Amino acid sequence: MTQGLTPPASTFKVVSVNAAAAAGVDLHGTYDCTGSLRVGDRVFHNYEARAFGPPSLERNIAVR
């Protein structure tokens, strides 16, 4: 059984980074990671609701 080997949504990072690149996002920039994101009336939280600050996109992808 492979359940639990990676944090939830880690496999989705591959898809979202490719979509961001296609949309013109600066892949060498830094982006603040606050621990949550509000979309409409829903709030989406990071795994374990942790905030990781403003590391590079590369570091944000690597964070587990």
N, C-alpha and C. Protein backbone atom coordinates (compact mmCIF):
# COMPACT_ATOMS: atom_id res chain seq x y z
N MET A 1 0.84 -1.18 0.00
CA MET A 1 0.00 0.00 0.00
C MET A 1 0.89 1.25 0.00
N THR A 2 0.55 2.24 -0.80
CA THR A 2 1.37 3.45 -0.91
C THR A 2 0.75 4.66 -0.23
N GLN A 3 -0.39 4.53 0.36
CA GLN A 3 -1.04 5.65 1.01
C GLN A 3 -0.15 6.25 2.10
N GLY A 4 -0.05 7.58 2.12
CA GLY A 4 0.71 8.24 3.16
C GLY A 4 2.17 8.49 2.86
N LEU A 5 2.65 8.13 1.67
CA LEU A 5 4.05 8.34 1.35
C LEU A 5 4.37 9.80 1.04
N THR A 6 3.42 10.54 0.53
CA THR A 6 3.62 11.96 0.24
C THR A 6 2.45 12.74 0.82
N PRO A 7 2.68 14.00 1.20
CA PRO A 7 1.58 14.81 1.71
C PRO A 7 0.48 14.97 0.65
N PRO A 8 -0.75 15.20 1.09
CA PRO A 8 -1.84 15.39 0.15
C PRO A 8 -1.52 16.47 -0.88
N ALA A 9 -1.86 16.23 -2.12
CA ALA A 9 -1.71 17.16 -3.24
C ALA A 9 -0.29 17.32 -3.76
N SER A 10 0.69 16.62 -3.19
CA SER A 10 2.06 16.75 -3.69
C SER A 10 2.17 16.35 -5.15
N THR A 11 1.42 15.36 -5.56
CA THR A 11 1.47 14.94 -6.96
C THR A 11 0.82 15.98 -7.88
N PHE A 12 -0.03 16.84 -7.33
CA PHE A 12 -0.68 17.87 -8.13
C PHE A 12 0.26 19.03 -8.46
N LYS A 13 1.37 19.15 -7.73
CA LYS A 13 2.32 20.23 -7.97
C LYS A 13 2.83 20.22 -9.41
N VAL A 14 3.03 19.05 -9.97
CA VAL A 14 3.51 18.92 -11.35
C VAL A 14 2.54 19.59 -12.31
N VAL A 15 1.27 19.38 -12.11
CA VAL A 15 0.24 19.95 -12.97
C VAL A 15 0.14 21.46 -12.77
N SER A 16 0.12 21.91 -11.51
CA SER A 16 -0.08 23.33 -11.25
C SER A 16 1.11 24.18 -11.69
N VAL A 17 2.33 23.67 -11.56
CA VAL A 17 3.50 24.44 -12.00
C VAL A 17 3.51 24.55 -13.52
N ASN A 18 3.15 23.50 -14.22
CA ASN A 18 3.07 23.58 -15.68
C ASN A 18 2.00 24.57 -16.12
N ALA A 19 0.88 24.59 -15.44
CA ALA A 19 -0.18 25.54 -15.76
C ALA A 19 0.27 26.97 -15.46
N ALA A 20 0.98 27.17 -14.36
CA ALA A 20 1.49 28.50 -14.03
C ALA A 20 2.47 28.98 -15.08
N ALA A 21 3.37 28.11 -15.53
CA ALA A 21 4.34 28.47 -16.57
C ALA A 21 3.62 28.85 -17.86
N ALA A 22 2.61 28.08 -18.22
CA ALA A 22 1.85 28.36 -19.44
C ALA A 22 1.10 29.69 -19.34
N ALA A 23 0.74 30.10 -18.11
CA ALA A 23 0.02 31.35 -17.90
C ALA A 23 0.97 32.54 -17.76
N GLY A 24 2.28 32.29 -17.82
CA GLY A 24 3.24 33.38 -17.77
C GLY A 24 3.75 33.76 -16.40
N VAL A 25 3.52 32.92 -15.40
CA VAL A 25 4.01 33.20 -14.05
C VAL A 25 5.54 33.14 -14.04
N ASP A 26 6.17 34.07 -13.35
CA ASP A 26 7.63 34.09 -13.24
C ASP A 26 8.07 32.92 -12.36
N LEU A 27 8.66 31.90 -12.95
CA LEU A 27 9.07 30.71 -12.22
C LEU A 27 10.32 30.95 -11.37
N HIS A 28 10.94 32.11 -11.51
CA HIS A 28 12.12 32.42 -10.71
C HIS A 28 11.80 33.44 -9.61
N GLY A 29 10.55 33.81 -9.49
CA GLY A 29 10.14 34.79 -8.48
C GLY A 29 9.93 34.13 -7.13
N THR A 30 9.58 34.95 -6.14
CA THR A 30 9.21 34.42 -4.83
C THR A 30 7.74 34.72 -4.59
N TYR A 31 7.08 33.84 -3.90
CA TYR A 31 5.64 33.96 -3.67
C TYR A 31 5.35 33.62 -2.22
N ASP A 32 4.66 34.51 -1.54
CA ASP A 32 4.39 34.31 -0.13
C ASP A 32 3.44 33.14 0.08
N CYS A 33 3.81 32.26 0.97
CA CYS A 33 2.99 31.11 1.33
C CYS A 33 2.42 31.38 2.72
N THR A 34 1.15 31.78 2.77
CA THR A 34 0.53 32.16 4.04
C THR A 34 -0.08 31.00 4.81
N GLY A 35 -0.20 29.86 4.19
CA GLY A 35 -0.79 28.70 4.85
C GLY A 35 -2.22 28.43 4.42
N SER A 36 -2.85 29.42 3.78
CA SER A 36 -4.21 29.21 3.30
C SER A 36 -4.51 30.15 2.14
N LEU A 37 -5.55 29.83 1.40
CA LEU A 37 -5.97 30.64 0.25
C LEU A 37 -7.49 30.66 0.21
N ARG A 38 -8.07 31.84 0.14
CA ARG A 38 -9.52 31.96 0.05
C ARG A 38 -9.91 32.08 -1.42
N VAL A 39 -10.84 31.25 -1.83
CA VAL A 39 -11.43 31.30 -3.17
C VAL A 39 -12.93 31.36 -2.97
N GLY A 40 -13.50 32.53 -3.24
CA GLY A 40 -14.92 32.71 -2.98
C GLY A 40 -15.19 32.59 -1.49
N ASP A 41 -16.11 31.71 -1.12
CA ASP A 41 -16.42 31.54 0.30
C ASP A 41 -15.74 30.31 0.90
N ARG A 42 -14.78 29.73 0.18
CA ARG A 42 -14.04 28.57 0.69
C ARG A 42 -12.61 28.94 1.01
N VAL A 43 -12.06 28.31 2.04
CA VAL A 43 -10.67 28.51 2.41
C VAL A 43 -9.95 27.17 2.25
N PHE A 44 -8.85 27.19 1.51
CA PHE A 44 -8.04 26.00 1.30
C PHE A 44 -6.76 26.16 2.11
N HIS A 45 -6.42 25.15 2.92
CA HIS A 45 -5.27 25.21 3.80
C HIS A 45 -4.14 24.33 3.29
N ASN A 46 -2.89 24.75 3.57
CA ASN A 46 -1.74 23.89 3.31
C ASN A 46 -1.85 22.64 4.17
N TYR A 47 -1.11 21.63 3.78
CA TYR A 47 -1.00 20.43 4.60
C TYR A 47 -0.55 20.84 6.00
N GLU A 48 -1.24 20.40 6.99
CA GLU A 48 -1.00 20.75 8.39
C GLU A 48 -1.17 22.24 8.67
N ALA A 49 -1.78 22.99 7.74
CA ALA A 49 -2.07 24.42 7.88
C ALA A 49 -0.83 25.26 8.21
N ARG A 50 0.32 24.85 7.72
CA ARG A 50 1.57 25.58 7.97
C ARG A 50 1.78 26.66 6.92
N ALA A 51 2.34 27.78 7.34
CA ALA A 51 2.76 28.85 6.43
C ALA A 51 4.27 28.72 6.24
N PHE A 52 4.73 28.86 5.01
CA PHE A 52 6.15 28.69 4.71
C PHE A 52 6.84 29.99 4.30
N GLY A 53 6.14 31.13 4.41
CA GLY A 53 6.76 32.41 4.10
C GLY A 53 6.99 32.63 2.62
N PRO A 54 7.99 33.47 2.27
CA PRO A 54 8.22 33.83 0.86
C PRO A 54 9.41 33.12 0.19
N PRO A 55 9.53 31.79 0.29
CA PRO A 55 10.65 31.16 -0.41
C PRO A 55 10.42 31.16 -1.92
N SER A 56 11.43 30.75 -2.66
CA SER A 56 11.31 30.68 -4.11
C SER A 56 10.26 29.63 -4.50
N LEU A 57 9.80 29.71 -5.72
CA LEU A 57 8.85 28.73 -6.21
C LEU A 57 9.44 27.33 -6.13
N GLU A 58 10.72 27.21 -6.46
CA GLU A 58 11.39 25.91 -6.37
C GLU A 58 11.30 25.35 -4.95
N ARG A 59 11.54 26.19 -3.96
CA ARG A 59 11.46 25.75 -2.56
C ARG A 59 10.03 25.42 -2.18
N ASN A 60 9.07 26.20 -2.63
CA ASN A 60 7.67 25.91 -2.34
C ASN A 60 7.24 24.58 -2.89
N ILE A 61 7.76 24.20 -4.04
CA ILE A 61 7.42 22.91 -4.62
C ILE A 61 8.03 21.79 -3.80
N ALA A 62 9.22 22.01 -3.28
CA ALA A 62 9.93 20.97 -2.53
C ALA A 62 9.40 20.80 -1.11
N VAL A 63 8.73 21.81 -0.56
CA VAL A 63 8.25 21.73 0.82
C VAL A 63 7.24 20.60 0.94
N ARG A 64 7.41 19.84 1.99
CA ARG A 64 6.50 18.72 2.22
C ARG A 64 5.68 18.93 3.44
